[in-house]
Amino acid sequence: MKACALAILFAAAIAWAQTVPETSRALGDRLAHATTNEQVKSREALLGKSPGDPRLIAGLVSAYLQKLRETADYRYLDRASQLVDRLLERDGGNFEALRFENEIDLQRHDFRAVAERSRDMIRYNASDPGIWGNLGDSLMELGEYENAREAYTKMFGLRPNLGSYNRLAYFRFVTGDADAAIGLMKDAIEAGSPVPENTAWCWAELGDMYFKTGKLDQAEKAYQSALSLFPSLHRASAGLGKVQAARGDIAGAIRSYQRAQSIVPLVEYAGALEDLFVAAGLQEKASEQRGLLEALEKIGTATNEKTNRNLALVLADHNRNLELALRLVEAEIPSRPDVYTWDALSWVLFKSGRLSEAREASAKALRLHTPEPIFHTHASAIASAVSNSEVIGGEK
């Protein structure tokens, strides 16, 4: 689309937003204090009565995306996408709909599309903090860290709130400054949000940062704070499981991971539970988790899943189906070349016996000095294996 046409479309979208009836605004204010389930139910009912109301459509999209965050149920993403398509069919320059399209594409890992769309949108409305946030999010996943920093700094300058503090904290952690990251995440929590899950998410992020830097007591308190605010935050329950496992409380870790798994059955939870059940001598329970992982592998194959670095890591950890693991993570590198994908690739290559390639991938994962203990665990194992192979091969 030509630049002048985009300018007209975006201008029309902004003008439309300024003429929204006050009754619609009041409705949004009332629903803002409802639970996500209440919002979904109320907004679906209202949209059923006024199916063409763009404000109601946008409100329901927002509720669906929040429900996705809380449940990882991707049916809500599909519903949101269908509604966004309706908005864009009516008005291709609807700025809010385009921002929603970014959020949807981030969930679908189409990071290059988000970066391109965000840059186009910024040309016509550089004062929108949400677009700068979308741009930074996509660039972090693309491994373009300096550009991500610039985008997040722009966002923060426009709106220093939970969202911008949280993003800057993540950037600082990934780029090697754990102390600054922890301080910024505390600022995000203090800024707060009217949506409890958002603040709880930041508490869990803070817990992860504490855990990864060896501060187990602080990590436990952060995860508990997250759960007190939003009891069904699965990642906080899993975080407690990590702390308990690190302390040798296998039974407690199992309970925490089982709770997380009962909320969202992620592959990493099944992998952790398999290991914990083995440690507890509960082989039958461990086999159940292995069966669950195999079922998830089959579902991914049936749905033509191309990328999944989390599954690839779990498979590599357990020395199973390394061919699939390698295929999944190698396919992810072109679209998501961040340090986490490079680490996953290094580990799968290592387990596949491709040591020189594993060393190269590990170096890319370590280049920012990210304080991720698993990066260094993997790198140490790879370096040791490379050294041993050189000795055996007579190169030393």
Protein backbone atom coordinates (compact mmCIF):
# COMPACT_ATOMS: atom_id res chain seq x y z
CA MET A 1 0.00 0.00 0.00
CA LYS A 2 1.32 3.47 -0.88
CA ALA A 3 2.44 5.81 1.90
CA CYS A 4 -0.23 8.43 1.22
CA ALA A 5 -2.97 5.80 1.44
CA LEU A 6 -1.59 4.54 4.76
CA ALA A 7 -1.50 8.07 6.11
CA ILE A 8 -5.15 8.58 5.22
CA LEU A 9 -6.18 5.26 6.75
CA PHE A 10 -4.32 5.88 10.01
CA ALA A 11 -5.63 9.43 10.25
CA ALA A 12 -9.16 8.13 9.77
CA ALA A 13 -8.64 5.57 12.51
CA ILE A 14 -7.43 8.23 14.96
CA ALA A 15 -10.31 10.52 14.06
CA TRP A 16 -12.77 7.65 14.59
CA ALA A 17 -11.37 6.97 18.04
CA GLN A 18 -11.95 10.61 19.01
CA THR A 19 -15.66 10.35 18.14
CA VAL A 20 -16.53 7.20 20.12
CA PRO A 21 -19.82 7.73 21.97
CA GLU A 22 -19.41 8.44 25.64
CA THR A 23 -21.75 5.54 26.46
CA SER A 24 -19.25 3.11 24.90
CA ARG A 25 -16.44 4.63 26.92
CA ALA A 26 -18.45 4.29 30.13
CA LEU A 27 -19.16 0.67 29.28
CA GLY A 28 -15.46 -0.02 28.87
CA ASP A 29 -14.72 1.65 32.20
CA ARG A 30 -17.25 -0.56 33.99
CA LEU A 31 -15.99 -3.78 32.46
CA ALA A 32 -12.36 -2.86 33.16
CA HIS A 33 -12.92 -3.84 36.80
CA ALA A 34 -14.50 -7.22 36.00
CA THR A 35 -12.65 -10.53 35.91
CA THR A 36 -11.45 -11.76 32.55
CA ASN A 37 -14.16 -14.43 32.46
CA GLU A 38 -16.79 -11.81 33.24
CA GLN A 39 -15.41 -9.53 30.56
CA VAL A 40 -15.49 -12.27 27.94
CA LYS A 41 -19.04 -13.30 28.80
CA SER A 42 -20.37 -9.72 28.97
CA ARG A 43 -18.63 -8.55 25.82
CA GLU A 44 -19.75 -11.60 23.84
CA ALA A 45 -23.35 -10.94 24.89
CA LEU A 46 -23.14 -7.24 24.00
CA LEU A 47 -21.51 -7.94 20.65
CA GLY A 48 -24.26 -10.44 19.88
CA LYS A 49 -26.75 -7.57 20.14
CA SER A 50 -24.60 -5.08 18.21
CA PRO A 51 -22.36 -7.19 15.94
CA GLY A 52 -21.07 -4.21 13.97
CA ASP A 53 -19.94 -2.04 16.89
CA PRO A 54 -16.16 -1.61 16.46
CA ARG A 55 -15.66 -0.57 20.08
CA LEU A 56 -17.33 -3.77 21.31
CA ILE A 57 -15.30 -5.84 18.88
CA ALA A 58 -12.06 -4.25 20.09
CA GLY A 59 -13.04 -4.80 23.72
CA LEU A 60 -13.72 -8.48 23.10
CA VAL A 61 -10.43 -8.90 21.25
CA SER A 62 -8.63 -7.44 24.25
CA ALA A 63 -10.48 -9.80 26.60
CA TYR A 64 -9.65 -12.81 24.42
CA LEU A 65 -5.96 -11.91 24.36
CA GLN A 66 -5.94 -11.52 28.14
CA LYS A 67 -7.65 -14.90 28.49
CA LEU A 68 -4.97 -16.38 26.24
CA ARG A 69 -2.27 -15.01 28.57
CA GLU A 70 -3.99 -16.56 31.56
CA THR A 71 -4.73 -20.00 30.09
CA ALA A 72 -2.43 -20.55 27.06
CA ASP A 73 -5.60 -21.77 25.30
CA TYR A 74 -4.92 -20.82 21.70
CA ARG A 75 -8.58 -21.03 20.75
CA TYR A 76 -8.84 -17.53 22.21
CA LEU A 77 -6.12 -16.39 19.82
CA ASP A 78 -8.11 -17.73 16.88
CA ARG A 79 -11.25 -15.96 18.09
CA ALA A 80 -9.34 -12.72 18.51
CA SER A 81 -7.85 -13.06 15.03
CA GLN A 82 -11.27 -13.53 13.45
CA LEU A 83 -12.56 -10.37 15.13
CA VAL A 84 -9.51 -8.36 14.09
CA ASP A 85 -10.08 -9.46 10.51
CA ARG A 86 -13.62 -8.07 10.78
CA LEU A 87 -12.30 -4.74 11.97
CA LEU A 88 -9.72 -4.51 9.21
CA GLU A 89 -12.23 -5.51 6.53
CA ARG A 90 -14.31 -2.51 7.60
CA ASP A 91 -11.36 -0.14 8.04
CA GLY A 92 -7.91 -1.25 6.90
CA GLY A 93 -6.29 1.63 8.80
CA ASN A 94 -7.91 0.95 12.17
CA PHE A 95 -4.89 1.64 14.34
CA GLU A 96 -6.15 -0.37 17.30
CA ALA A 97 -6.88 -3.35 15.06
CA LEU A 98 -3.40 -3.17 13.56
CA ARG A 99 -1.91 -3.14 17.05
CA PHE A 100 -4.01 -6.20 17.90
CA GLU A 101 -2.71 -7.82 14.73
CA ASN A 102 0.79 -7.27 16.09
CA GLU A 103 -0.13 -8.94 19.38
CA ILE A 104 -1.57 -11.92 17.52
CA ASP A 105 1.47 -12.27 15.26
CA LEU A 106 3.76 -12.11 18.29
CA GLN A 107 1.90 -15.09 19.71
CA ARG A 108 2.24 -16.87 16.37
CA HIS A 109 5.98 -16.08 16.33
CA ASP A 110 5.78 -14.11 13.10
CA PHE A 111 8.28 -11.62 14.49
CA ARG A 112 9.44 -10.20 11.18
CA ALA A 113 5.87 -9.30 10.23
CA VAL A 114 5.43 -7.50 13.56
CA ALA A 115 8.67 -5.56 13.14
CA GLU A 116 7.74 -4.48 9.62
CA ARG A 117 4.18 -3.51 10.52
CA SER A 118 5.27 -1.65 13.65
CA ARG A 119 7.79 0.42 11.73
CA ASP A 120 5.12 1.34 9.19
CA MET A 121 2.73 2.37 11.96
CA ILE A 122 5.37 4.43 13.77
CA ARG A 123 5.82 6.53 10.63
CA TYR A 124 2.29 7.81 11.09
CA ASN A 125 1.91 7.77 14.86
CA ALA A 126 5.27 7.81 16.62
CA SER A 127 3.61 8.85 19.90
CA ASP A 128 1.87 5.51 20.47
CA PRO A 129 3.80 3.62 23.19
CA GLY A 130 2.16 0.29 22.40
CA ILE A 131 3.63 0.20 18.91
CA TRP A 132 7.12 0.88 20.23
CA GLY A 133 6.56 -2.00 22.67
CA ASN A 134 5.48 -4.32 19.86
CA LEU A 135 8.54 -3.32 17.86
CA GLY A 136 10.87 -3.96 20.79
CA ASP A 137 9.25 -7.33 21.51
CA SER A 138 9.73 -8.51 17.94
CA LEU A 139 13.32 -7.26 17.80
CA MET A 140 14.23 -9.08 21.01
CA GLU A 141 13.09 -12.34 19.45
CA LEU A 142 14.97 -11.52 16.25
CA GLY A 143 18.17 -10.99 18.22
CA GLU A 144 18.39 -7.29 17.27
CA TYR A 145 19.10 -6.17 20.81
CA GLU A 146 20.39 -2.64 20.29
CA ASN A 147 17.38 -1.79 18.15
CA ALA A 148 15.12 -3.35 20.77
CA ARG A 149 16.70 -1.15 23.43
CA GLU A 150 15.94 1.95 21.37
CA ALA A 151 12.32 0.88 20.90
CA TYR A 152 11.81 0.15 24.59
CA THR A 153 13.44 3.44 25.56
CA LYS A 154 11.01 5.26 23.26
CA MET A 155 8.11 3.39 24.83
CA PHE A 156 9.28 4.22 28.34
CA GLY A 157 9.64 7.91 27.48
CA LEU A 158 6.06 8.00 26.23
CA ARG A 159 4.53 5.95 29.04
CA PRO A 160 6.59 4.84 32.07
CA ASN A 161 4.23 2.14 33.34
CA LEU A 162 4.25 -1.57 34.16
CA GLY A 163 4.54 -2.53 30.50
CA SER A 164 7.57 -0.37 29.74
CA TYR A 165 9.37 -1.10 33.03
CA ASN A 166 8.80 -4.83 32.48
CA ARG A 167 10.22 -4.72 28.96
CA LEU A 168 13.28 -2.73 29.95
CA ALA A 169 13.87 -5.18 32.80
CA TYR A 170 13.79 -8.11 30.40
CA PHE A 171 16.15 -6.33 28.02
CA ARG A 172 18.62 -5.60 30.83
CA PHE A 173 18.52 -9.21 32.01
CA VAL A 174 19.07 -10.71 28.56
CA THR A 175 21.93 -8.29 27.89
CA GLY A 176 23.75 -9.20 31.09
CA ASP A 177 22.77 -6.67 33.78
CA ALA A 178 20.83 -8.71 36.33
CA ASP A 179 20.93 -6.07 39.09
CA ALA A 180 19.42 -3.38 36.87
CA ALA A 181 16.85 -5.89 35.60
CA ILE A 182 15.73 -6.74 39.12
CA GLY A 183 15.42 -3.05 40.02
CA LEU A 184 13.34 -2.32 36.93
CA MET A 185 11.08 -5.31 37.54
CA LYS A 186 10.44 -4.03 41.05
CA ASP A 187 9.50 -0.69 39.47
CA ALA A 188 7.07 -2.53 37.18
CA ILE A 189 5.43 -4.19 40.17
CA GLU A 190 5.19 -0.89 42.03
CA ALA A 191 3.59 0.73 38.97
CA GLY A 192 1.00 -2.04 39.02
CA SER A 193 -1.93 -2.75 36.75
CA PRO A 194 -5.72 -2.89 37.12
CA VAL A 195 -5.45 -6.44 35.71
CA PRO A 196 -4.13 -8.67 38.54
CA GLU A 197 -2.54 -11.20 36.17
CA ASN A 198 -0.30 -8.52 34.68
CA THR A 199 1.23 -7.59 38.02
CA ALA A 200 1.43 -11.23 39.06
CA TRP A 201 3.29 -11.97 35.84
CA CYS A 202 5.91 -9.39 36.82
CA TRP A 203 6.23 -10.96 40.27
CA ALA A 204 6.91 -14.29 38.56
CA GLU A 205 9.44 -12.64 36.24
CA LEU A 206 11.16 -11.19 39.31
CA GLY A 207 11.13 -14.65 40.88
CA ASP A 208 12.82 -16.08 37.80
CA MET A 209 15.52 -13.40 37.94
CA TYR A 210 16.17 -14.10 41.61
CA PHE A 211 16.25 -17.85 41.00
CA LYS A 212 18.67 -17.58 38.10
CA THR A 213 21.02 -15.43 40.18
CA GLY A 214 21.02 -17.86 43.11
CA LYS A 215 18.71 -15.93 45.45
CA LEU A 216 16.34 -18.75 46.39
CA ASP A 217 14.65 -17.07 49.38
CA GLN A 218 13.82 -13.96 47.38
CA ALA A 219 12.65 -16.09 44.47
CA GLU A 220 10.29 -18.06 46.69
CA LYS A 221 8.77 -14.86 48.12
CA ALA A 222 8.29 -13.41 44.63
CA TYR A 223 6.53 -16.54 43.36
CA GLN A 224 4.30 -16.59 46.45
CA SER A 225 3.44 -12.92 45.88
CA ALA A 226 2.46 -13.77 42.31
CA LEU A 227 0.20 -16.59 43.46
CA SER A 228 -1.42 -14.53 46.19
CA LEU A 229 -2.38 -11.99 43.55
CA PHE A 230 -3.35 -14.47 40.82
CA PRO A 231 -3.58 -18.05 42.16
CA SER A 232 -3.82 -19.70 38.73
CA LEU A 233 -0.57 -18.26 37.37
CA HIS A 234 0.97 -21.55 36.26
CA ARG A 235 4.48 -20.20 35.79
CA ALA A 236 4.59 -19.05 39.43
CA SER A 237 3.66 -22.55 40.62
CA ALA A 238 6.37 -23.97 38.37
CA GLY A 239 8.78 -21.39 39.78
CA LEU A 240 8.09 -22.64 43.29
CA GLY A 241 8.76 -26.12 41.97
CA LYS A 242 12.18 -25.03 40.74
CA VAL A 243 13.04 -23.53 44.13
CA GLN A 244 11.86 -26.65 45.98
CA ALA A 245 13.82 -28.94 43.65
CA ALA A 246 16.95 -26.84 44.14
CA ARG A 247 16.56 -27.27 47.90
CA GLY A 248 16.09 -31.03 47.60
CA ASP A 249 12.37 -30.95 48.43
CA ILE A 250 11.36 -33.40 45.70
CA ALA A 251 7.85 -34.04 47.05
CA GLY A 252 7.13 -30.32 47.27
CA ALA A 253 8.51 -29.73 43.78
CA ILE A 254 6.29 -32.47 42.39
CA ARG A 255 3.21 -30.89 43.96
CA SER A 256 4.07 -27.46 42.58
CA TYR A 257 4.76 -28.71 39.07
CA GLN A 258 1.61 -30.82 39.10
CA ARG A 259 -0.41 -27.73 39.96
CA ALA A 260 1.24 -25.81 37.12
CA GLN A 261 0.60 -28.70 34.74
CA SER A 262 -3.06 -28.92 35.78
CA ILE A 263 -3.49 -25.30 34.69
CA VAL A 264 -1.45 -25.41 31.46
CA PRO A 265 0.17 -28.71 30.32
CA LEU A 266 3.42 -27.32 28.91
CA VAL A 267 6.10 -29.69 27.63
CA GLU A 268 8.66 -28.29 30.06
CA TYR A 269 6.41 -29.18 33.00
CA ALA A 270 6.11 -32.77 31.79
CA GLY A 271 9.88 -32.95 31.37
CA ALA A 272 10.49 -31.60 34.87
CA LEU A 273 7.95 -33.97 36.41
CA GLU A 274 9.45 -36.97 34.65
CA ASP A 275 12.82 -36.15 36.20
CA LEU A 276 11.32 -35.50 39.62
CA PHE A 277 9.39 -38.77 39.63
CA VAL A 278 12.57 -40.63 38.65
CA ALA A 279 14.39 -38.92 41.55
CA ALA A 280 11.57 -39.98 43.87
CA GLY A 281 11.74 -43.58 42.66
CA LEU A 282 8.25 -43.38 41.16
CA GLN A 283 8.95 -44.98 37.80
CA GLU A 284 5.32 -45.51 36.85
CA LYS A 285 4.57 -41.83 37.37
CA ALA A 286 7.67 -40.93 35.38
CA SER A 287 6.45 -43.15 32.53
CA GLU A 288 3.11 -41.32 32.54
CA GLN A 289 4.90 -38.03 31.99
CA ARG A 290 7.00 -39.57 29.24
CA GLY A 291 3.79 -40.79 27.62
CA LEU A 292 2.39 -37.27 27.81
CA LEU A 293 5.48 -35.91 26.08
CA GLU A 294 5.18 -38.52 23.36
CA ALA A 295 1.54 -37.56 22.87
CA LEU A 296 2.50 -33.91 22.54
CA GLU A 297 5.15 -34.88 19.99
CA LYS A 298 2.52 -36.73 17.95
CA ILE A 299 0.12 -33.78 18.12
CA GLY A 300 2.87 -31.50 16.87
CA THR A 301 3.62 -33.85 13.99
CA ALA A 302 -0.07 -34.18 13.12
CA THR A 303 -0.52 -30.39 13.10
CA ASN A 304 2.63 -29.92 11.01
CA GLU A 305 4.44 -28.08 13.79
CA LYS A 306 7.61 -26.59 12.36
CA THR A 307 9.28 -25.01 15.38
CA ASN A 308 9.31 -25.67 19.13
CA ARG A 309 12.54 -24.98 20.97
CA ASN A 310 11.02 -25.92 24.35
CA LEU A 311 10.14 -29.41 23.14
CA ALA A 312 13.54 -29.67 21.46
CA LEU A 313 15.28 -28.93 24.78
CA VAL A 314 13.20 -31.46 26.70
CA LEU A 315 13.91 -34.13 24.10
CA ALA A 316 17.63 -33.34 24.20
CA ASP A 317 17.67 -33.42 28.00
CA HIS A 318 16.25 -36.93 27.87
CA ASN A 319 18.25 -38.11 24.83
CA ARG A 320 15.10 -38.95 22.93
CA ASN A 321 14.02 -38.35 19.34
CA LEU A 322 17.01 -36.12 18.65
CA GLU A 323 16.20 -36.04 14.94
CA LEU A 324 12.89 -34.33 15.68
CA ALA A 325 14.52 -32.04 18.25
CA LEU A 326 17.13 -30.91 15.74
CA ARG A 327 14.55 -30.35 13.03
CA LEU A 328 12.39 -28.22 15.34
CA VAL A 329 15.17 -25.98 16.62
CA GLU A 330 16.96 -25.60 13.29
CA ALA A 331 13.68 -24.44 11.77
CA GLU A 332 13.29 -21.87 14.53
CA ILE A 333 16.66 -20.17 14.08
CA PRO A 334 15.76 -18.19 10.90
CA SER A 335 12.61 -16.71 12.44
CA ARG A 336 13.75 -16.42 16.06
CA PRO A 337 17.55 -16.06 16.26
CA ASP A 338 17.74 -14.85 19.85
CA VAL A 339 20.18 -16.14 22.45
CA TYR A 340 17.64 -18.64 23.81
CA THR A 341 17.18 -20.35 20.46
CA TRP A 342 20.96 -20.45 19.91
CA ASP A 343 21.36 -22.12 23.31
CA ALA A 344 18.67 -24.68 22.48
CA LEU A 345 20.37 -25.39 19.16
CA SER A 346 23.75 -25.79 20.87
CA TRP A 347 22.35 -28.38 23.27
CA VAL A 348 20.55 -30.41 20.62
CA LEU A 349 23.65 -30.36 18.41
CA PHE A 350 25.74 -31.49 21.38
CA LYS A 351 23.41 -34.38 22.15
CA SER A 352 23.48 -35.27 18.44
CA GLY A 353 27.27 -35.52 18.51
CA ARG A 354 27.92 -32.47 16.32
CA LEU A 355 30.41 -30.87 18.69
CA SER A 356 32.05 -28.17 16.57
CA GLU A 357 28.65 -26.84 15.49
CA ALA A 358 27.43 -27.01 19.09
CA ARG A 359 30.40 -24.92 20.23
CA GLU A 360 29.67 -22.27 17.58
CA ALA A 361 26.00 -22.09 18.55
CA SER A 362 26.89 -21.91 22.25
CA ALA A 363 29.22 -18.97 21.61
CA LYS A 364 26.30 -17.10 20.03
CA ALA A 365 24.12 -17.89 23.03
CA LEU A 366 26.78 -16.56 25.43
CA ARG A 367 27.67 -13.39 23.55
CA LEU A 368 25.59 -11.05 25.73
CA HIS A 369 26.63 -12.61 29.07
CA THR A 370 22.99 -13.36 29.85
CA PRO A 371 22.81 -14.64 33.47
CA GLU A 372 21.05 -17.86 32.47
CA PRO A 373 22.63 -20.75 34.43
CA ILE A 374 21.49 -23.27 31.84
CA PHE A 375 23.49 -21.46 29.13
CA HIS A 376 26.65 -21.96 31.13
CA THR A 377 25.80 -25.55 32.07
CA HIS A 378 25.36 -26.36 28.40
CA ALA A 379 28.49 -24.44 27.39
CA SER A 380 30.60 -26.24 30.00
CA ALA A 381 29.45 -29.66 28.86
CA ILE A 382 30.08 -28.76 25.24
CA ALA A 383 33.56 -27.34 25.94
CA SER A 384 34.50 -30.43 27.95
CA ALA A 385 33.35 -32.76 25.18
CA VAL A 386 35.20 -30.76 22.53
CA SER A 387 38.37 -30.82 24.64
CA ASN A 388 38.11 -34.57 25.19
CA SER A 389 37.51 -35.21 21.50
CA GLU A 390 40.60 -33.17 20.59
CA VAL A 391 42.71 -35.14 23.06
CA ILE A 392 41.43 -38.45 21.76
CA GLY A 393 41.95 -37.28 18.22
CA GLY A 394 45.56 -36.40 18.99
CA GLU A 395 45.09 -32.68 18.41
CA LYS A 396 46.52 -31.76 21.81
